[in-house]
Amino acid sequence: MKNKAIWAFIPILVCLPFVLSSAVFAQDEDPSIYFKPTVPPDFPKPGDTAIAEETVNGITVKIIDAKLSTEERELWSDTEKKIYSADKKALTFDVCFSTPDSGEWSLFGGKETVKFGPVAVSQYHGMSNRWDEKLADERMMGEKCTRFIFDLDVEIELPLTLTFEQAVAIPRERFHPCEEILDRFASNQRAVAAGLNVGCSETPNGNPPGIGFPFESSVRLDRFDETVLTKQEAHVLMLEIESGVIYGPWVFTFDSIREE
């Protein structure tokens, strides 16, 4: 079935997901009135039933749905210098994954995020459901859901594989680096269980105004529970959490894909 895309998609050349609409305010009314954006009913949410899942290095990635459809896209023509409409085959994966702390976590693929036969696809559109995200705290891990959409110019051949190489906590520019990193440690179950207490300092990095955050953070190990782990183990855990990177890979093979 052919569907007209209901979102305006932006190509993410470095495969960075973006979130659903930001805060919406009533026009011509009190700007302090906030309306939560409407999330499409079929968008993946924490707790949805998975058709496949895999756990690597403590992070569970769940496939909620996989489908192939035909979508109408608005594209730019370099030769005619105008926007035109064209049908594209769209391969869509609804994915939820566990998050170890309160950071802005995202899943990333590589050069062969989707692979079938001799074809490898890395570029995708991404939308994350921030509104229903379950944030991690010191008692339990969080869960975040994202929709990954791959536009294809060729027919798919089964089986195909979907591979995520790493999960990354992307720094938020609206927070000072130390503010965010200390919150991540405080909401990380492993850090809390190990009695890990860290200090943080910031130094200017020379970034011009408006280009990233003007400070870099560094952490130091202040205290840890010596009955749980050694100082070396505590230091390794501290550096692992500070890095904001968890490596997979999480690999899924599909022998069939639902079509719309």
Protein backbone atom coordinates (compact mmCIF):
# COMPACT_ATOMS: atom_id res chain seq x y z
CA MET A 1 0.00 0.00 0.00
CA LYS A 2 1.29 3.44 -0.89
CA ASN A 3 1.46 5.97 1.90
CA LYS A 4 2.19 9.66 1.82
CA ALA A 5 4.81 10.54 4.41
CA ILE A 6 3.28 12.43 7.34
CA TRP A 7 6.59 13.86 8.57
CA ALA A 8 9.11 16.01 6.77
CA PHE A 9 12.27 13.92 6.75
CA ILE A 10 15.78 15.33 6.97
CA PRO A 11 18.67 13.17 5.70
CA ILE A 12 21.08 12.47 8.53
CA LEU A 13 24.44 12.11 6.81
CA VAL A 14 26.14 10.98 9.99
CA CYS A 15 23.19 8.82 11.05
CA LEU A 16 22.18 11.01 13.96
CA PRO A 17 18.61 10.48 15.08
CA PHE A 18 16.46 13.49 15.81
CA VAL A 19 13.52 13.69 18.19
CA LEU A 20 9.85 14.18 17.47
CA SER A 21 8.51 17.72 17.52
CA SER A 22 9.72 19.98 20.26
CA ALA A 23 7.49 21.87 22.65
CA VAL A 24 4.36 23.33 21.04
CA PHE A 25 2.60 26.45 22.27
CA ALA A 26 -0.82 27.81 21.39
CA GLN A 27 -0.67 30.57 18.81
CA ASP A 28 -2.22 33.91 19.75
CA GLU A 29 -2.63 32.64 23.32
CA ASP A 30 -0.66 32.60 26.52
CA PRO A 31 2.85 31.34 25.49
CA SER A 32 3.19 29.64 28.85
CA ILE A 33 0.50 27.13 27.87
CA TYR A 34 2.24 23.93 26.83
CA PHE A 35 0.77 21.21 24.64
CA LYS A 36 2.39 17.81 24.50
CA PRO A 37 2.88 16.79 20.84
CA THR A 38 0.72 13.94 19.61
CA VAL A 39 2.76 10.78 19.09
CA PRO A 40 1.41 8.57 16.28
CA PRO A 41 -0.33 5.53 17.79
CA ASP A 42 1.93 3.09 15.95
CA PHE A 43 5.15 4.74 17.15
CA PRO A 44 7.24 2.42 19.36
CA LYS A 45 7.04 2.97 23.12
CA PRO A 46 8.88 1.44 26.09
CA GLY A 47 7.33 -1.86 27.07
CA ASP A 48 6.13 -2.75 23.55
CA THR A 49 6.36 -6.43 22.64
CA ALA A 50 9.48 -7.31 20.66
CA ILE A 51 9.68 -9.59 17.63
CA ALA A 52 13.42 -10.02 18.29
CA GLU A 53 15.91 -8.84 20.91
CA GLU A 54 19.59 -9.14 21.75
CA THR A 55 21.61 -8.15 24.80
CA VAL A 56 25.28 -7.17 24.46
CA ASN A 57 27.39 -5.57 27.20
CA GLY A 58 24.35 -5.01 29.37
CA ILE A 59 22.29 -3.17 26.72
CA THR A 60 19.21 -4.87 25.29
CA VAL A 61 18.08 -3.84 21.82
CA LYS A 62 14.56 -4.89 20.83
CA ILE A 63 13.02 -4.90 17.37
CA ILE A 64 9.36 -3.96 17.73
CA ASP A 65 8.43 -3.97 14.06
CA ALA A 66 10.01 -4.23 10.61
CA LYS A 67 8.17 -3.30 7.44
CA LEU A 68 8.61 -2.40 3.79
CA SER A 69 6.36 0.24 2.22
CA THR A 70 6.20 2.75 -0.60
CA GLU A 71 6.39 6.35 0.54
CA GLU A 72 6.09 9.63 -1.34
CA ARG A 73 9.12 11.82 -0.82
CA GLU A 74 9.85 15.41 -1.79
CA LEU A 75 13.29 15.53 -3.41
CA TRP A 76 15.50 18.28 -4.83
CA SER A 77 16.53 18.20 -8.48
CA ASP A 78 19.97 19.71 -9.13
CA THR A 79 19.34 19.77 -12.87
CA GLU A 80 15.90 21.41 -12.76
CA LYS A 81 16.59 23.40 -9.57
CA LYS A 82 13.27 22.55 -8.00
CA ILE A 83 11.57 20.16 -5.61
CA TYR A 84 9.72 17.20 -7.06
CA SER A 85 7.79 14.25 -5.67
CA ALA A 86 8.87 10.64 -6.13
CA ASP A 87 7.96 7.25 -4.70
CA LYS A 88 10.61 5.50 -2.66
CA LYS A 89 10.79 2.07 -1.13
CA ALA A 90 11.07 2.64 2.62
CA LEU A 91 12.44 0.01 4.98
CA THR A 92 11.34 0.87 8.52
CA PHE A 93 12.52 -0.59 11.82
CA ASP A 94 10.90 0.31 15.13
CA VAL A 95 13.52 -0.22 17.83
CA CYS A 96 13.60 0.13 21.62
CA PHE A 97 16.77 -0.18 23.69
CA SER A 98 17.77 -0.03 27.33
CA THR A 99 19.74 2.97 28.58
CA PRO A 100 22.22 2.75 31.48
CA ASP A 101 21.81 6.28 32.81
CA SER A 102 20.05 9.61 32.24
CA GLY A 103 22.19 10.60 29.25
CA GLU A 104 20.92 11.39 25.75
CA TRP A 105 21.50 7.89 24.38
CA SER A 106 21.24 6.95 20.70
CA LEU A 107 21.95 3.85 18.66
CA PHE A 108 24.36 4.05 15.73
CA GLY A 109 25.03 1.72 12.85
CA GLY A 110 28.04 1.64 10.59
CA LYS A 111 28.74 1.36 6.89
CA GLU A 112 26.57 -1.76 6.73
CA THR A 113 23.68 -0.86 9.03
CA VAL A 114 21.37 -2.66 6.61
CA LYS A 115 22.84 -5.31 4.33
CA PHE A 116 21.31 -7.68 1.82
CA GLY A 117 23.05 -9.45 -1.04
CA PRO A 118 25.79 -7.10 -2.31
CA VAL A 119 23.92 -3.99 -1.07
CA ALA A 120 24.92 -2.12 2.09
CA VAL A 121 23.00 0.92 3.37
CA SER A 122 24.17 3.28 6.09
CA GLN A 123 22.16 6.49 5.63
CA TYR A 124 18.78 6.69 7.35
CA HIS A 125 16.17 9.02 8.76
CA GLY A 126 15.65 8.72 12.49
CA MET A 127 12.96 9.83 14.92
CA SER A 128 13.16 9.24 18.67
CA ASN A 129 10.15 9.14 20.96
CA ARG A 130 11.39 11.39 23.76
CA TRP A 131 7.91 11.95 25.16
CA ASP A 132 7.42 8.34 26.27
CA GLU A 133 11.06 7.66 27.15
CA LYS A 134 11.62 5.88 30.46
CA LEU A 135 14.62 7.52 32.10
CA ALA A 136 17.14 5.48 34.03
CA ASP A 137 17.66 6.05 37.73
CA GLU A 138 19.72 4.44 40.49
CA ARG A 139 17.20 1.58 40.77
CA MET A 140 16.57 0.56 37.16
CA MET A 141 17.72 1.09 33.60
CA GLY A 142 15.77 3.28 31.23
CA GLU A 143 14.30 2.53 27.82
CA LYS A 144 14.17 4.66 24.68
CA CYS A 145 12.50 3.96 21.34
CA THR A 146 13.47 5.11 17.87
CA ARG A 147 12.14 4.64 14.37
CA PHE A 148 14.81 4.09 11.71
CA ILE A 149 13.80 4.58 8.05
CA PHE A 150 16.00 3.58 5.10
CA ASP A 151 15.01 4.83 1.64
CA LEU A 152 15.96 2.27 -1.01
CA ASP A 153 16.55 2.58 -4.74
CA VAL A 154 16.71 -1.20 -5.27
CA GLU A 155 14.54 -4.17 -4.46
CA ILE A 156 15.49 -5.92 -1.25
CA GLU A 157 16.77 -9.47 -1.21
CA LEU A 158 16.13 -11.68 1.79
CA PRO A 159 17.65 -12.49 4.15
CA LEU A 160 18.81 -9.06 5.28
CA THR A 161 20.68 -7.99 8.39
CA LEU A 162 20.28 -4.92 10.60
CA THR A 163 23.37 -4.06 12.67
CA PHE A 164 23.87 -1.45 15.38
CA GLU A 165 27.53 -0.95 16.23
CA GLN A 166 27.30 1.18 19.37
CA ALA A 167 25.13 3.15 21.78
CA VAL A 168 26.36 6.68 22.49
CA ALA A 169 25.38 9.32 25.03
CA ILE A 170 25.40 12.57 23.05
CA PRO A 171 26.27 15.65 25.17
CA ARG A 172 23.42 18.10 25.62
CA GLU A 173 24.40 21.69 24.90
CA ARG A 174 21.79 23.07 27.28
CA PHE A 175 23.65 21.60 30.28
CA HIS A 176 27.13 22.32 31.56
CA PRO A 177 29.27 19.21 30.90
CA CYS A 178 29.84 18.55 34.62
CA GLU A 179 26.14 18.95 35.37
CA GLU A 180 25.30 16.26 32.85
CA ILE A 181 28.13 13.85 33.68
CA LEU A 182 27.42 13.97 37.43
CA ASP A 183 23.74 13.31 36.77
CA ARG A 184 24.69 10.35 34.58
CA PHE A 185 26.82 8.85 37.37
CA ALA A 186 24.05 9.42 39.93
CA SER A 187 21.51 7.59 37.73
CA ASN A 188 23.79 4.69 36.74
CA GLN A 189 22.97 1.48 38.63
CA ARG A 190 26.49 0.11 38.36
CA ALA A 191 28.03 3.31 39.71
CA VAL A 192 25.58 3.45 42.61
CA ALA A 193 26.05 -0.25 43.45
CA ALA A 194 29.83 0.28 43.52
CA GLY A 195 29.54 3.34 45.75
CA LEU A 196 31.27 5.31 43.03
CA ASN A 197 31.62 8.97 43.87
CA VAL A 198 33.33 11.22 41.32
CA GLY A 199 34.33 14.85 41.12
CA CYS A 200 34.20 16.88 37.91
CA SER A 201 36.02 19.93 36.59
CA GLU A 202 35.57 22.00 33.43
CA THR A 203 38.16 23.75 31.26
CA PRO A 204 37.59 26.08 28.26
CA ASN A 205 38.04 24.33 24.92
CA GLY A 206 38.27 27.36 22.64
CA ASN A 207 35.02 26.73 20.78
CA PRO A 208 33.63 29.99 19.32
CA PRO A 209 30.18 31.15 20.53
CA GLY A 210 27.38 29.04 19.12
CA ILE A 211 29.69 26.15 18.11
CA GLY A 212 29.22 23.41 20.64
CA PHE A 213 29.73 23.92 24.36
CA PRO A 214 32.69 26.14 25.38
CA PHE A 215 33.91 23.74 28.08
CA GLU A 216 35.32 20.22 28.33
CA SER A 217 34.79 18.11 31.44
CA SER A 218 37.06 15.66 33.21
CA VAL A 219 36.20 13.43 36.14
CA ARG A 220 38.23 12.12 39.05
CA LEU A 221 37.62 9.19 41.34
CA ASP A 222 36.86 10.40 44.88
CA ARG A 223 35.35 7.38 46.63
CA PHE A 224 34.20 3.82 45.99
CA ASP A 225 33.08 0.79 47.98
CA GLU A 226 36.21 -1.27 48.61
CA THR A 227 34.07 -4.28 49.55
CA VAL A 228 32.60 -4.32 46.03
CA LEU A 229 35.58 -3.64 43.75
CA THR A 230 39.25 -2.71 43.75
CA LYS A 231 40.56 0.78 43.04
CA GLN A 232 41.67 -0.36 39.58
CA GLU A 233 38.21 -1.75 38.85
CA ALA A 234 36.59 1.45 40.16
CA HIS A 235 38.81 3.56 37.91
CA VAL A 236 38.00 1.42 34.87
CA LEU A 237 34.27 1.66 35.63
CA MET A 238 34.54 5.44 36.02
CA LEU A 239 36.25 5.82 32.64
CA GLU A 240 33.74 3.50 30.98
CA ILE A 241 30.77 5.52 32.23
CA GLU A 242 32.45 8.84 31.44
CA SER A 243 33.10 7.79 27.83
CA GLY A 244 29.38 7.56 27.10
CA VAL A 245 29.97 4.74 24.61
CA ILE A 246 28.82 1.10 24.79
CA TYR A 247 29.94 -1.18 21.97
CA GLY A 248 27.87 -3.94 20.41
CA PRO A 249 27.34 -5.11 17.88
CA TRP A 250 23.66 -5.95 18.01
CA VAL A 251 22.89 -7.95 14.88
CA PHE A 252 19.45 -9.01 13.63
CA THR A 253 18.70 -11.23 10.63
CA PHE A 254 15.33 -11.08 8.86
CA ASP A 255 14.10 -13.89 6.63
CA SER A 256 10.83 -12.06 5.98
CA ILE A 257 9.64 -8.44 6.14
CA ARG A 258 6.08 -7.28 6.58
CA GLU A 259 4.83 -5.24 3.60
CA GLU A 260 2.34 -2.40 3.55
